[in-house]
N, C-alpha and C. Protein backbone atom coordinates (compact mmCIF):
# COMPACT_ATOMS: atom_id res chain seq x y z
N MET A 1 235.40 78.23 223.70
CA MET A 1 235.09 76.76 223.68
C MET A 1 236.29 75.96 224.26
N GLY A 2 236.42 75.29 225.52
CA GLY A 2 237.75 74.75 226.02
C GLY A 2 237.70 73.30 225.33
N ILE A 3 238.65 72.64 225.50
CA ILE A 3 238.79 71.38 225.07
C ILE A 3 239.16 70.20 226.21
N PRO A 4 238.08 69.36 226.50
CA PRO A 4 238.36 68.22 227.43
C PRO A 4 238.93 67.05 226.67
N VAL A 5 239.86 66.40 227.29
CA VAL A 5 240.56 65.40 226.78
C VAL A 5 240.59 64.32 227.84
N LEU A 6 240.24 63.00 227.53
CA LEU A 6 240.18 61.82 228.42
C LEU A 6 241.43 61.03 228.19
N ILE A 7 242.06 60.75 229.34
CA ILE A 7 243.42 59.90 229.39
C ILE A 7 242.95 58.79 230.20
N LEU A 8 243.00 57.63 229.56
CA LEU A 8 242.35 56.39 230.33
C LEU A 8 243.56 55.48 230.59
N GLY A 9 243.55 54.69 231.63
CA GLY A 9 244.66 53.66 232.03
C GLY A 9 244.46 53.00 233.28
N GLU A 10 244.72 51.86 233.40
CA GLU A 10 244.75 51.28 234.75
C GLU A 10 245.81 51.84 235.72
N SER A 11 245.60 51.45 236.82
CA SER A 11 246.67 52.13 237.97
C SER A 11 247.89 51.49 237.72
N GLY A 12 248.90 52.56 237.49
CA GLY A 12 250.27 52.26 237.50
C GLY A 12 250.66 52.33 235.74
N SER A 13 249.74 52.60 234.89
CA SER A 13 249.87 52.52 233.62
C SER A 13 250.65 53.77 233.04
N GLY A 14 250.75 54.75 233.89
CA GLY A 14 251.64 55.94 233.43
C GLY A 14 250.87 57.28 233.37
N LYS A 15 249.36 57.29 233.83
CA LYS A 15 248.78 58.59 233.51
C LYS A 15 249.32 59.50 234.35
N SER A 16 249.58 59.55 235.55
CA SER A 16 250.26 60.83 236.30
C SER A 16 251.60 60.89 235.83
N ALA A 17 252.35 59.83 235.56
CA ALA A 17 253.69 60.21 235.11
C ALA A 17 253.85 60.97 233.81
N SER A 18 252.68 60.74 232.95
CA SER A 18 252.78 61.42 231.75
C SER A 18 252.87 63.00 231.89
N LEU A 19 252.75 63.64 233.17
CA LEU A 19 252.71 65.17 233.44
C LEU A 19 254.28 65.59 233.51
N ARG A 20 255.08 64.59 233.55
CA ARG A 20 256.60 64.93 234.04
C ARG A 20 257.30 66.08 233.17
N SER A 21 256.90 66.04 231.85
CA SER A 21 257.41 67.11 230.98
C SER A 21 256.89 68.68 231.11
N PHE A 22 255.74 68.80 231.82
CA PHE A 22 255.39 70.19 232.06
C PHE A 22 256.06 70.74 232.95
N SER A 23 256.52 72.14 232.85
CA SER A 23 257.09 73.08 233.85
C SER A 23 255.90 73.32 234.85
N PRO A 24 256.48 73.82 235.99
CA PRO A 24 255.37 74.34 236.91
C PRO A 24 254.46 75.51 236.65
N ASP A 25 255.00 76.20 235.67
CA ASP A 25 254.27 77.34 235.27
C ASP A 25 253.32 77.09 234.09
N GLU A 26 253.05 75.87 233.66
CA GLU A 26 252.44 75.30 232.44
C GLU A 26 251.13 74.63 232.77
N VAL A 27 251.18 74.04 233.81
CA VAL A 27 249.88 73.19 234.11
C VAL A 27 249.46 73.32 235.67
N GLY A 28 248.07 73.19 235.80
CA GLY A 28 247.69 73.05 237.21
C GLY A 28 246.89 71.65 237.33
N VAL A 29 247.26 71.26 238.55
CA VAL A 29 246.53 69.75 238.74
C VAL A 29 245.51 69.95 239.78
N PHE A 30 244.19 69.33 239.64
CA PHE A 30 243.27 69.10 240.44
C PHE A 30 243.34 67.58 240.94
N ASN A 31 243.89 67.52 242.37
CA ASN A 31 244.28 66.20 242.52
C ASN A 31 243.04 65.62 243.42
N VAL A 32 242.26 64.94 242.91
CA VAL A 32 240.91 64.55 243.63
C VAL A 32 241.48 63.73 244.92
N ALA A 33 242.31 62.66 244.59
CA ALA A 33 242.57 61.66 245.60
C ALA A 33 243.67 62.22 246.68
N SER A 34 244.38 63.45 246.30
CA SER A 34 245.52 63.78 247.14
C SER A 34 246.62 62.97 246.97
N LYS A 35 246.98 62.22 246.12
CA LYS A 35 247.86 61.17 245.92
C LYS A 35 249.06 62.02 245.45
N PRO A 36 250.49 61.70 245.78
CA PRO A 36 251.71 62.34 245.51
C PRO A 36 251.87 61.92 243.96
N LEU A 37 252.49 62.96 243.47
CA LEU A 37 252.84 62.53 241.77
C LEU A 37 254.07 61.67 241.98
N PRO A 38 254.27 60.81 240.89
CA PRO A 38 255.42 59.81 240.85
C PRO A 38 256.65 60.51 240.23
N PHE A 39 256.82 61.74 240.45
CA PHE A 39 258.09 62.33 240.14
C PHE A 39 258.31 63.56 241.04
N ARG A 40 259.52 64.16 241.30
CA ARG A 40 259.91 65.23 242.19
C ARG A 40 259.51 66.72 241.79
N LYS A 41 259.24 66.92 240.45
CA LYS A 41 258.93 68.10 239.93
C LYS A 41 257.78 68.78 240.64
N PRO A 42 257.90 69.90 241.27
CA PRO A 42 256.73 70.58 242.04
C PRO A 42 255.63 71.16 241.04
N LEU A 43 254.46 70.63 240.89
CA LEU A 43 253.56 71.33 239.95
C LEU A 43 252.46 72.09 240.86
N LYS A 44 251.71 73.01 240.20
CA LYS A 44 250.59 73.68 241.08
C LYS A 44 249.45 72.67 241.39
N MET A 45 249.16 72.54 242.61
CA MET A 45 248.32 71.50 242.89
C MET A 45 247.22 71.94 243.84
N VAL A 46 245.83 71.38 243.50
CA VAL A 46 244.94 71.70 244.36
C VAL A 46 244.60 70.18 245.11
N ASN A 47 244.77 69.74 246.29
CA ASN A 47 244.40 68.55 246.70
C ASN A 47 243.18 68.38 247.25
N SER A 48 242.63 67.20 247.26
CA SER A 48 241.26 66.76 247.67
C SER A 48 240.19 67.63 246.91
N ALA A 49 240.71 67.88 245.63
CA ALA A 49 239.78 68.71 244.73
C ALA A 49 238.36 68.25 244.60
N THR A 50 237.34 69.21 244.57
CA THR A 50 236.00 68.61 244.39
C THR A 50 235.53 69.30 243.22
N TYR A 51 234.19 69.06 242.75
CA TYR A 51 233.58 69.83 241.76
C TYR A 51 233.61 71.45 241.77
N ALA A 52 233.34 71.72 243.12
CA ALA A 52 233.42 73.08 243.39
C ALA A 52 234.74 73.69 243.21
N ASP A 53 235.83 73.07 243.70
CA ASP A 53 237.21 73.57 243.62
C ASP A 53 237.53 73.58 242.07
N ILE A 54 237.10 72.62 241.27
CA ILE A 54 237.48 72.72 239.95
C ILE A 54 236.84 73.71 238.99
N ALA A 55 235.46 73.80 239.47
CA ALA A 55 234.90 74.96 238.70
C ALA A 55 235.18 76.31 239.08
N LYS A 56 235.64 76.74 240.26
CA LYS A 56 236.23 77.84 240.61
C LYS A 56 237.57 78.14 240.02
N GLY A 57 238.50 77.17 240.04
CA GLY A 57 239.75 77.08 239.25
C GLY A 57 239.49 77.62 237.72
N LEU A 58 238.61 76.91 237.15
CA LEU A 58 238.47 76.81 235.79
C LEU A 58 237.70 78.22 235.45
N SER A 59 237.12 78.68 236.32
CA SER A 59 236.12 79.96 236.05
C SER A 59 237.12 81.30 235.74
N ALA A 60 238.12 81.22 236.39
CA ALA A 60 239.20 82.43 236.01
C ALA A 60 240.55 81.79 235.83
N PRO A 61 240.54 80.96 234.67
CA PRO A 61 242.01 80.08 234.68
C PRO A 61 243.12 81.12 234.37
N LYS A 62 244.10 81.01 235.13
CA LYS A 62 245.42 81.36 234.84
C LYS A 62 246.40 80.80 233.97
N LEU A 63 246.06 79.54 233.80
CA LEU A 63 246.96 78.71 232.88
C LEU A 63 246.08 78.31 231.79
N LYS A 64 246.88 77.71 230.70
CA LYS A 64 246.20 77.21 229.58
C LYS A 64 245.92 75.69 229.67
N THR A 65 246.60 75.05 230.78
CA THR A 65 246.41 73.64 230.65
C THR A 65 246.13 73.11 232.04
N TYR A 66 245.18 72.27 232.22
CA TYR A 66 244.83 71.86 233.56
C TYR A 66 244.57 70.30 233.45
N VAL A 67 244.85 69.74 234.70
CA VAL A 67 244.53 68.24 234.62
C VAL A 67 243.80 67.97 236.01
N ILE A 68 242.83 67.01 235.74
CA ILE A 68 241.90 66.41 236.97
C ILE A 68 242.48 64.94 237.13
N ASP A 69 242.99 64.71 238.11
CA ASP A 69 243.79 63.50 238.49
C ASP A 69 243.24 62.89 239.89
N ASP A 70 242.74 61.78 240.17
CA ASP A 70 241.92 60.95 239.10
C ASP A 70 240.48 61.19 239.07
N SER A 71 240.07 61.45 237.72
CA SER A 71 238.72 62.06 237.67
C SER A 71 237.66 61.12 238.17
N GLN A 72 237.85 59.85 238.02
CA GLN A 72 236.71 58.77 238.51
C GLN A 72 236.51 58.93 239.84
N TYR A 73 237.26 59.32 240.58
CA TYR A 73 237.15 59.38 242.03
C TYR A 73 235.88 60.62 242.34
N LEU A 74 235.86 61.54 241.47
CA LEU A 74 234.73 62.47 241.63
C LEU A 74 233.30 61.61 241.67
N LEU A 75 233.38 60.67 240.81
CA LEU A 75 232.19 59.69 240.71
C LEU A 75 232.09 58.84 242.12
N ALA A 76 233.17 58.17 242.17
CA ALA A 76 233.14 57.24 243.52
C ALA A 76 232.95 57.91 244.77
N PHE A 77 233.45 59.15 245.06
CA PHE A 77 233.52 59.72 246.32
C PHE A 77 232.15 60.35 246.52
N GLU A 78 231.41 60.70 245.42
CA GLU A 78 230.01 61.11 245.75
C GLU A 78 228.96 59.93 245.97
N PHE A 79 229.59 58.84 245.32
CA PHE A 79 228.80 57.61 245.53
C PHE A 79 228.76 57.24 246.91
N PHE A 80 229.93 57.35 247.40
CA PHE A 80 230.15 56.77 248.98
C PHE A 80 229.49 57.83 249.92
N ASP A 81 229.62 58.99 249.55
CA ASP A 81 229.02 59.98 250.34
C ASP A 81 227.51 59.85 250.44
N ARG A 82 226.99 59.25 249.44
CA ARG A 82 225.41 59.29 249.40
C ARG A 82 225.08 57.75 249.35
N ALA A 83 226.10 56.78 249.91
CA ALA A 83 225.81 55.42 250.00
C ALA A 83 224.29 54.91 250.56
N GLN A 84 224.15 55.71 251.72
CA GLN A 84 223.02 55.34 252.58
C GLN A 84 221.66 55.91 251.97
N GLU A 85 221.66 56.54 250.95
CA GLU A 85 220.44 57.06 250.30
C GLU A 85 219.75 55.86 249.63
N THR A 86 218.53 55.94 249.70
CA THR A 86 217.64 55.00 248.94
C THR A 86 217.19 55.57 247.41
N GLY A 87 216.88 54.53 246.73
CA GLY A 87 216.33 55.14 245.25
C GLY A 87 217.39 55.21 244.20
N TYR A 88 216.95 55.40 243.18
CA TYR A 88 217.77 55.59 241.96
C TYR A 88 218.18 56.96 241.52
N ASN A 89 217.70 58.09 242.20
CA ASN A 89 217.85 59.40 241.83
C ASN A 89 219.34 59.86 242.00
N LYS A 90 219.97 59.07 243.14
CA LYS A 90 221.47 59.47 243.25
C LYS A 90 222.29 59.13 242.11
N PHE A 91 222.01 58.22 241.46
CA PHE A 91 222.78 57.89 240.15
C PHE A 91 222.60 58.73 239.14
N THR A 92 221.40 59.12 238.98
CA THR A 92 221.35 60.23 237.95
C THR A 92 221.85 61.43 238.43
N ASP A 93 222.04 61.90 239.60
CA ASP A 93 222.70 63.12 240.21
C ASP A 93 224.11 62.92 239.98
N ILE A 94 224.51 61.72 240.04
CA ILE A 94 226.17 61.38 240.05
C ILE A 94 226.51 61.71 238.60
N ALA A 95 225.77 61.04 237.66
CA ALA A 95 226.07 60.99 236.26
C ALA A 95 225.92 62.59 235.87
N LEU A 96 225.00 63.19 236.26
CA LEU A 96 224.72 64.69 235.78
C LEU A 96 225.85 65.62 236.41
N ASN A 97 226.41 65.58 237.64
CA ASN A 97 227.38 66.31 238.03
C ASN A 97 228.78 66.13 237.36
N PHE A 98 228.87 64.85 236.91
CA PHE A 98 230.26 64.67 235.98
C PHE A 98 230.05 65.25 234.62
N ARG A 99 228.91 65.01 233.86
CA ARG A 99 228.49 65.53 232.73
C ARG A 99 228.67 66.96 232.70
N ASN A 100 228.02 67.74 233.92
CA ASN A 100 228.10 69.17 233.74
C ASN A 100 229.30 69.75 233.90
N LEU A 101 230.18 68.79 234.70
CA LEU A 101 231.65 69.31 234.58
C LEU A 101 232.39 69.40 233.19
N ILE A 102 232.22 68.36 232.52
CA ILE A 102 232.63 68.29 231.25
C ILE A 102 232.07 69.38 230.26
N GLN A 103 230.76 69.67 230.43
CA GLN A 103 230.22 70.69 229.78
C GLN A 103 230.51 72.13 230.06
N PHE A 104 230.89 72.27 231.34
CA PHE A 104 231.57 73.40 231.80
C PHE A 104 232.81 73.80 231.28
N VAL A 105 233.76 72.81 231.13
CA VAL A 105 234.87 72.86 230.26
C VAL A 105 234.70 73.23 228.95
N ILE A 106 233.82 72.83 228.16
CA ILE A 106 233.50 73.08 226.85
C ILE A 106 232.97 74.47 226.65
N THR A 107 231.93 74.79 227.49
CA THR A 107 231.29 75.94 227.20
C THR A 107 231.63 77.17 228.02
N LYS A 108 232.28 77.17 229.21
CA LYS A 108 232.52 78.10 230.14
C LYS A 108 233.98 78.43 230.26
N THR A 109 235.01 77.75 229.49
CA THR A 109 236.28 78.03 229.54
C THR A 109 236.79 78.78 228.17
N PRO A 110 237.87 79.55 228.13
CA PRO A 110 238.37 80.10 226.90
C PRO A 110 238.79 78.96 226.03
N PRO A 111 238.81 79.30 224.63
CA PRO A 111 238.99 78.34 223.55
C PRO A 111 240.32 77.76 223.60
N ASP A 112 241.42 78.35 224.19
CA ASP A 112 242.65 77.77 224.10
C ASP A 112 242.92 77.03 225.38
N ARG A 113 241.82 76.87 226.24
CA ARG A 113 242.28 75.81 227.31
C ARG A 113 241.99 74.50 227.17
N ILE A 114 242.74 73.69 227.60
CA ILE A 114 242.73 72.13 227.44
C ILE A 114 242.68 71.49 229.00
N VAL A 115 241.72 70.80 229.26
CA VAL A 115 241.54 70.07 230.50
C VAL A 115 241.54 68.64 230.22
N TYR A 116 242.72 68.07 230.93
CA TYR A 116 242.77 66.41 230.80
C TYR A 116 242.13 65.60 231.89
N PHE A 117 241.23 64.95 231.82
CA PHE A 117 240.74 64.03 232.62
C PHE A 117 241.36 62.63 232.88
N LEU A 118 242.25 62.36 233.97
CA LEU A 118 243.00 61.10 234.01
C LEU A 118 242.23 60.24 234.81
N HIS A 119 241.73 59.08 234.16
CA HIS A 119 240.70 58.34 234.46
C HIS A 119 241.08 56.94 234.42
N HIS A 120 240.61 56.19 235.35
CA HIS A 120 240.73 54.78 235.49
C HIS A 120 239.94 53.93 234.40
N THR A 121 240.37 52.86 234.02
CA THR A 121 239.48 51.87 233.23
C THR A 121 239.12 50.70 233.84
N GLU A 122 237.91 50.15 233.17
CA GLU A 122 237.63 48.91 233.63
C GLU A 122 237.09 48.05 232.51
N LYS A 123 237.02 46.79 232.78
CA LYS A 123 236.52 45.76 231.65
C LYS A 123 235.15 45.57 231.29
N ARG A 124 234.61 45.51 230.35
CA ARG A 124 233.42 45.10 229.99
C ARG A 124 233.30 43.54 230.09
N ASP A 125 232.25 43.08 229.89
CA ASP A 125 232.10 41.51 229.98
C ASP A 125 232.58 40.83 228.89
N ASP A 126 232.77 41.76 227.64
CA ASP A 126 233.40 41.20 226.49
C ASP A 126 235.00 41.26 226.53
N GLY A 127 235.44 41.83 227.69
CA GLY A 127 236.91 42.02 227.70
C GLY A 127 237.48 43.15 227.24
N THR A 128 236.56 44.05 226.62
CA THR A 128 237.09 45.50 226.03
C THR A 128 237.22 46.38 227.33
N LEU A 129 237.92 47.62 227.06
CA LEU A 129 238.05 48.35 228.02
C LEU A 129 237.18 49.90 227.79
N LYS A 130 236.73 50.28 229.06
CA LYS A 130 235.98 51.45 229.05
C LYS A 130 236.40 52.41 230.27
N ALA A 131 235.92 53.58 230.21
CA ALA A 131 236.18 54.41 231.41
C ALA A 131 235.57 53.90 232.58
N LYS A 132 235.98 53.89 233.84
CA LYS A 132 235.44 53.32 234.97
C LYS A 132 234.38 54.23 235.54
N THR A 133 233.41 53.54 235.96
CA THR A 133 232.22 54.51 236.60
C THR A 133 232.00 53.70 237.84
N ILE A 134 230.71 53.70 238.36
CA ILE A 134 230.28 53.06 239.50
C ILE A 134 229.30 51.96 239.21
N GLY A 135 229.11 51.43 238.18
CA GLY A 135 228.21 50.17 237.94
C GLY A 135 227.44 50.52 236.68
N ARG A 136 226.71 49.54 236.23
CA ARG A 136 225.95 49.45 235.04
C ARG A 136 224.91 50.56 235.12
N MET A 137 224.29 50.80 236.25
CA MET A 137 223.17 51.80 236.35
C MET A 137 223.66 53.10 235.88
N LEU A 138 224.88 53.59 236.34
CA LEU A 138 225.57 54.79 235.86
C LEU A 138 225.76 54.60 234.45
N ASP A 139 226.16 53.63 233.79
CA ASP A 139 226.60 53.61 232.40
C ASP A 139 225.29 53.68 231.66
N GLU A 140 224.31 53.14 232.01
CA GLU A 140 222.93 53.48 231.24
C GLU A 140 222.65 54.82 231.10
N LYS A 141 223.20 55.64 232.06
CA LYS A 141 222.66 57.30 232.02
C LYS A 141 223.94 57.95 231.50
N LEU A 142 225.15 57.43 231.35
CA LEU A 142 226.25 58.28 230.85
C LEU A 142 227.27 57.47 230.11
N THR A 143 227.54 57.72 228.96
CA THR A 143 228.73 57.23 228.20
C THR A 143 229.93 58.16 228.22
N VAL A 144 230.61 58.00 229.20
CA VAL A 144 231.84 59.13 229.44
C VAL A 144 232.32 59.28 228.28
N GLU A 145 232.92 58.30 227.44
CA GLU A 145 233.78 58.74 226.35
C GLU A 145 233.07 59.54 225.19
N GLY A 146 231.79 59.30 225.20
CA GLY A 146 231.07 60.13 224.17
C GLY A 146 231.02 61.64 224.19
N LEU A 147 231.49 61.86 225.42
CA LEU A 147 231.31 63.47 225.73
C LEU A 147 233.02 64.09 225.31
N PHE A 148 233.71 63.18 224.75
CA PHE A 148 235.23 63.68 224.32
C PHE A 148 235.44 63.31 223.00
N SER A 149 236.36 64.11 222.42
CA SER A 149 236.68 63.96 220.91
C SER A 149 237.90 63.30 221.02
N ILE A 150 238.78 63.45 222.11
CA ILE A 150 240.06 62.87 222.20
C ILE A 150 240.02 62.11 223.55
N VAL A 151 240.29 60.72 223.17
CA VAL A 151 240.40 59.80 224.15
C VAL A 151 241.72 58.94 224.06
N LEU A 152 242.66 59.09 224.90
CA LEU A 152 243.93 58.16 224.61
C LEU A 152 244.23 57.29 225.86
N LEU A 153 244.54 56.17 225.49
CA LEU A 153 244.75 54.97 226.29
C LEU A 153 246.15 54.81 226.75
N CYS A 154 246.38 54.63 228.08
CA CYS A 154 247.79 54.30 228.56
C CYS A 154 248.09 52.82 228.52
N ARG A 155 249.06 52.60 227.93
CA ARG A 155 249.57 51.11 227.98
C ARG A 155 251.02 51.14 228.52
N SER A 156 251.34 50.00 229.09
CA SER A 156 252.61 49.68 229.39
C SER A 156 253.15 48.46 229.21
N THR A 157 254.45 48.29 228.95
CA THR A 157 255.12 46.95 228.95
C THR A 157 256.22 46.93 229.84
N LYS A 158 257.11 45.96 230.00
CA LYS A 158 258.32 45.94 230.87
C LYS A 158 259.27 47.29 230.50
N ASP A 159 259.33 47.50 229.08
CA ASP A 159 260.35 48.61 228.60
C ASP A 159 259.80 49.93 228.46
N ARG A 160 258.39 49.95 228.29
CA ARG A 160 257.87 51.17 227.72
C ARG A 160 256.36 51.42 228.07
N HIS A 161 256.22 52.72 228.29
CA HIS A 161 254.90 53.52 228.76
C HIS A 161 254.57 54.11 227.46
N TYR A 162 253.15 54.11 227.02
CA TYR A 162 252.83 54.94 225.83
C TYR A 162 251.28 55.06 225.71
N PHE A 163 250.80 55.82 224.85
CA PHE A 163 249.68 56.21 224.50
C PHE A 163 249.10 55.55 223.19
N VAL A 164 247.91 54.85 223.35
CA VAL A 164 247.32 54.48 222.26
C VAL A 164 246.23 55.57 221.65
N THR A 165 246.37 55.83 220.42
CA THR A 165 245.39 56.99 220.05
C THR A 165 244.26 56.67 219.19
N GLN A 166 244.10 55.53 218.87
CA GLN A 166 243.02 54.95 218.09
C GLN A 166 242.62 53.61 218.46
N SER A 167 241.26 53.32 218.64
CA SER A 167 241.02 51.93 219.11
C SER A 167 241.44 50.94 218.15
N GLU A 168 241.90 49.84 218.72
CA GLU A 168 242.19 48.65 217.83
C GLU A 168 241.25 47.52 218.23
N GLY A 169 240.15 47.96 218.66
CA GLY A 169 239.08 46.96 218.88
C GLY A 169 238.82 46.44 220.35
N TYR A 170 239.84 46.88 221.23
CA TYR A 170 239.75 46.51 222.59
C TYR A 170 239.44 47.68 223.52
N SER A 171 239.32 48.92 223.00
CA SER A 171 239.25 50.16 223.83
C SER A 171 238.30 51.16 223.09
N THR A 172 238.11 52.24 224.00
CA THR A 172 237.37 53.25 223.36
C THR A 172 238.30 54.59 222.95
N ALA A 173 239.63 54.20 222.76
CA ALA A 173 240.53 55.36 222.37
C ALA A 173 240.13 56.01 221.15
N LYS A 174 240.30 57.20 221.05
CA LYS A 174 239.89 57.79 219.77
C LYS A 174 240.63 59.23 219.57
N SER A 175 240.78 59.81 218.39
CA SER A 175 241.35 61.10 218.26
C SER A 175 241.05 61.57 216.68
N PRO A 176 241.15 62.85 216.46
CA PRO A 176 240.83 63.33 215.08
C PRO A 176 241.95 62.79 214.14
N MET A 177 241.54 62.78 212.81
CA MET A 177 242.33 62.08 211.90
C MET A 177 243.62 62.81 211.55
N ASP A 178 244.71 62.26 211.71
CA ASP A 178 245.90 63.09 211.59
C ASP A 178 246.58 63.91 212.48
N MET A 179 245.98 63.71 213.72
CA MET A 179 246.36 64.47 214.97
C MET A 179 247.67 63.73 215.45
N PHE A 180 247.62 62.27 215.54
CA PHE A 180 248.63 61.62 216.22
C PHE A 180 248.79 60.22 215.26
N PRO A 181 249.95 59.73 215.31
CA PRO A 181 250.17 58.25 214.84
C PRO A 181 249.38 57.20 215.99
N PRO A 182 249.34 56.04 215.57
CA PRO A 182 248.65 55.12 216.51
C PRO A 182 249.06 55.08 217.77
N GLU A 183 250.33 55.10 217.93
CA GLU A 183 251.02 54.93 219.24
C GLU A 183 251.94 56.10 219.40
N ILE A 184 251.97 56.68 220.82
CA ILE A 184 252.92 57.89 220.95
C ILE A 184 253.35 57.70 222.25
N ASP A 185 254.55 58.46 222.67
CA ASP A 185 255.06 58.18 224.02
C ASP A 185 254.03 58.75 225.07
N ASN A 186 254.06 58.55 226.29
CA ASN A 186 253.16 58.86 227.10
C ASN A 186 253.73 60.27 227.79
N ASP A 187 253.88 61.19 226.93
CA ASP A 187 254.26 62.62 227.46
C ASP A 187 253.15 63.46 227.08
N LEU A 188 252.47 63.95 228.17
CA LEU A 188 251.39 64.76 228.04
C LEU A 188 251.50 66.18 227.59
N LYS A 189 252.76 66.63 227.74
CA LYS A 189 253.18 67.85 227.35
C LYS A 189 253.32 67.88 225.77
N ALA A 190 253.85 66.73 225.22
CA ALA A 190 253.83 66.62 223.79
C ALA A 190 252.63 66.53 223.29
N VAL A 191 251.66 65.74 223.79
CA VAL A 191 250.33 65.76 223.59
C VAL A 191 249.52 67.12 223.46
N ASP A 192 249.99 67.78 224.48
CA ASP A 192 249.25 69.20 224.55
C ASP A 192 249.80 70.06 223.40
N ASP A 193 251.05 69.90 223.22
CA ASP A 193 251.69 70.61 221.99
C ASP A 193 250.98 70.23 220.58
N ALA A 194 250.55 69.07 220.42
CA ALA A 194 250.16 68.50 219.19
C ALA A 194 248.74 68.89 219.22
N ILE A 195 247.91 68.88 220.12
CA ILE A 195 246.50 69.37 220.03
C ILE A 195 246.54 70.88 219.69
N ARG A 196 247.34 71.67 220.40
CA ARG A 196 247.31 72.99 220.19
C ARG A 196 247.58 73.31 218.75
N ALA A 197 248.84 72.71 218.11
CA ALA A 197 249.07 72.91 216.68
C ALA A 197 247.91 72.35 215.92
N TYR A 198 247.28 71.27 216.13
CA TYR A 198 246.20 70.89 215.28
C TYR A 198 245.20 71.69 215.23
N TYR A 199 244.74 72.45 216.40
CA TYR A 199 243.58 73.35 216.40
C TYR A 199 244.03 74.67 216.24
N ASP A 200 245.32 75.06 215.86
CA ASP A 200 245.79 76.48 215.91
C ASP A 200 245.54 77.24 216.87
N LEU A 201 245.73 76.68 218.18
CA LEU A 201 245.36 77.44 219.62
C LEU A 201 246.52 78.39 219.93
N ASN A 202 247.80 78.23 219.24
CA ASN A 202 248.73 79.10 219.62
C ASN A 202 248.84 80.53 218.57
N LYS A 203 247.64 80.47 217.95
CA LYS A 203 247.73 81.67 216.93
C LYS A 203 247.57 83.12 217.57
N GLU A 204 247.02 83.27 218.81
CA GLU A 204 247.00 84.64 219.59
C GLU A 204 248.40 84.91 220.12
N GLU A 205 249.12 83.84 220.50
CA GLU A 205 250.42 83.82 221.05
C GLU A 205 251.41 84.45 219.86
N ILE A 206 251.16 83.92 218.74
CA ILE A 206 252.07 84.28 217.56
C ILE A 206 251.86 85.82 217.20
N LYS A 207 250.55 86.28 217.40
CA LYS A 207 250.28 87.54 217.03
C LYS A 207 250.80 88.76 218.01
N GLN A 208 250.95 88.40 219.20
CA GLN A 208 251.27 89.24 220.15
C GLN A 208 252.74 89.51 220.28
């Protein structure tokens, strides 16, 4: 059973930059929007990644850590591809495809695989933050954060980029008890190490 992790943040908040500490042989990136990474280190990349590309890559994973950047474009691109379709069934299909991807990670990948979904945020009417979708109709069919046990929120100030690991009432951030302090550096490699230690995912490596 693999572990999906949701990383939320506005554009420019440091989601992609959080990959900077991984070495090229540690992580694979499914780059949905084909945007350049904000650092020079070359990582293994699949550009213009689709659901099919991601499923193929995760079906026989050669790495233990994968990233889908930016996962909300899987929803948006499908919506635009089907923009001329009438009726509401397309919204159900769009929600189902995204949900199926998360379920694929959980049920079809090995237990020591972690897949990070880097995803934009949007504000609700009450000012709180949530995962960006394509509108209320999709939100009624899919609560994205409900499919993840770990949701980290990227925040930034003039001098600092960091992750919020528990909700303070303005977001849907959450993580298991004692996995992280309330705020941590936006270093996804350090996050990956902490998750593996918490769930004892390195046990097989130690035995070998």
